């Protein structure tokens, strides 16, 4: 349902989901990403959607071994700004 709301391209809905649910979406899809979420992110990367690029970056930047690096490997080749930065203290 949350991915469907993201696909609506409603800025308020996206902001709400990002604020309150994005970390939960990432947690529950960590090992086995749901197909609709995977396709939503891939489509956003192909269209160079800045907000989706930022969403993915926030999920990937803290874990070098995050499984999504492999899921989006092909698409990520076009985004040098998405990189592992590790935990900053």
Protein backbone atom coordinates (compact mmCIF):
# COMPACT_ATOMS: atom_id res chain seq x y z
CA UNK A 1 0.00 0.00 0.00
CA UNK A 2 2.85 2.41 0.83
CA UNK A 3 4.57 1.75 -2.49
CA UNK A 4 1.28 2.43 -4.28
CA UNK A 5 1.09 5.75 -2.44
CA UNK A 6 4.65 6.55 -3.54
CA UNK A 7 3.72 5.80 -7.14
CA UNK A 8 0.96 8.45 -6.99
CA UNK A 9 3.70 11.09 -7.24
CA UNK A 10 1.92 13.11 -4.58
CA UNK A 11 4.61 15.17 -2.87
CA UNK A 12 2.77 15.30 0.46
CA UNK A 13 2.27 11.53 0.51
CA UNK A 14 5.90 10.94 -0.39
CA UNK A 15 7.13 13.29 2.32
CA UNK A 16 4.88 11.60 4.87
CA UNK A 17 6.03 8.11 3.89
CA UNK A 18 9.66 9.17 3.91
CA UNK A 19 9.35 10.73 7.34
CA UNK A 20 7.40 7.99 9.10
CA UNK A 21 7.75 4.78 7.09
CA UNK A 22 10.87 4.73 4.87
CA UNK A 23 13.08 3.20 7.57
CA UNK A 24 10.43 0.53 8.21
CA UNK A 25 10.05 -0.18 4.49
CA UNK A 26 13.81 -0.63 4.24
CA UNK A 27 13.90 -2.85 7.33
CA UNK A 28 11.14 -5.20 6.17
CA UNK A 29 12.51 -5.41 2.63
CA UNK A 30 16.17 -5.68 3.63
CA UNK A 31 16.85 -9.29 2.62
CA UNK A 32 14.02 -9.85 0.16
CA UNK A 33 12.83 -6.66 -1.50
CA UNK A 34 9.21 -6.72 -2.57
CA UNK A 35 8.79 -6.70 -6.33
CA UNK A 36 6.67 -3.52 -6.44
CA UNK A 37 9.24 -1.61 -4.38
CA UNK A 38 12.10 -2.90 -6.52
CA UNK A 39 10.34 -1.85 -9.73
CA UNK A 40 9.44 1.55 -8.25
CA UNK A 41 13.06 2.25 -7.36
CA UNK A 42 14.41 0.91 -10.67
CA UNK A 43 11.98 3.06 -12.63
CA UNK A 44 12.94 6.09 -10.55
CA UNK A 45 16.63 5.46 -11.14
CA UNK A 46 16.08 5.02 -14.88
CA UNK A 47 14.19 8.34 -14.94
CA UNK A 48 16.86 9.96 -12.74
CA UNK A 49 14.20 10.96 -10.20
CA UNK A 50 16.18 12.94 -7.63
CA UNK A 51 13.87 12.08 -4.74
CA UNK A 52 14.12 8.34 -5.42
CA UNK A 53 17.89 8.60 -5.82
CA UNK A 54 18.04 10.28 -2.41
CA UNK A 55 15.75 7.63 -0.89
CA UNK A 56 17.95 4.82 -2.12
CA UNK A 57 21.10 6.64 -1.07
CA UNK A 58 19.79 6.99 2.48
CA UNK A 59 19.19 3.23 2.61
CA UNK A 60 22.53 2.19 1.13
CA UNK A 61 25.07 4.65 2.48
CA UNK A 62 25.43 3.16 5.95
CA UNK A 63 25.90 -0.54 5.04
CA UNK A 64 28.53 -1.64 2.58
CA UNK A 65 27.06 -5.14 2.62
CA UNK A 66 23.44 -4.02 2.10
CA UNK A 67 21.74 -6.58 -0.21
CA UNK A 68 20.24 -3.80 -2.32
CA UNK A 69 23.70 -2.98 -3.73
CA UNK A 70 23.34 -6.20 -5.74
CA UNK A 71 19.64 -5.71 -6.53
CA UNK A 72 20.28 -2.31 -8.12
CA UNK A 73 23.86 -2.93 -9.27
CA UNK A 74 23.19 -2.20 -12.93
CA UNK A 75 21.17 0.96 -12.29
CA UNK A 76 23.65 2.28 -9.70
CA UNK A 77 26.47 2.41 -12.25
CA UNK A 78 24.97 5.71 -13.45
CA UNK A 79 24.98 7.25 -9.97
CA UNK A 80 28.45 7.89 -8.60
CA UNK A 81 26.90 10.06 -5.88
CA UNK A 82 25.38 6.97 -4.26
CA UNK A 83 28.15 5.48 -2.21
CA UNK A 84 28.88 3.76 1.05
CA UNK A 85 29.98 6.31 3.65
CA UNK A 86 29.78 4.21 6.79
CA UNK A 87 28.63 5.42 10.16
CA UNK A 88 29.74 8.90 11.04
CA UNK A 89 30.26 9.66 14.75
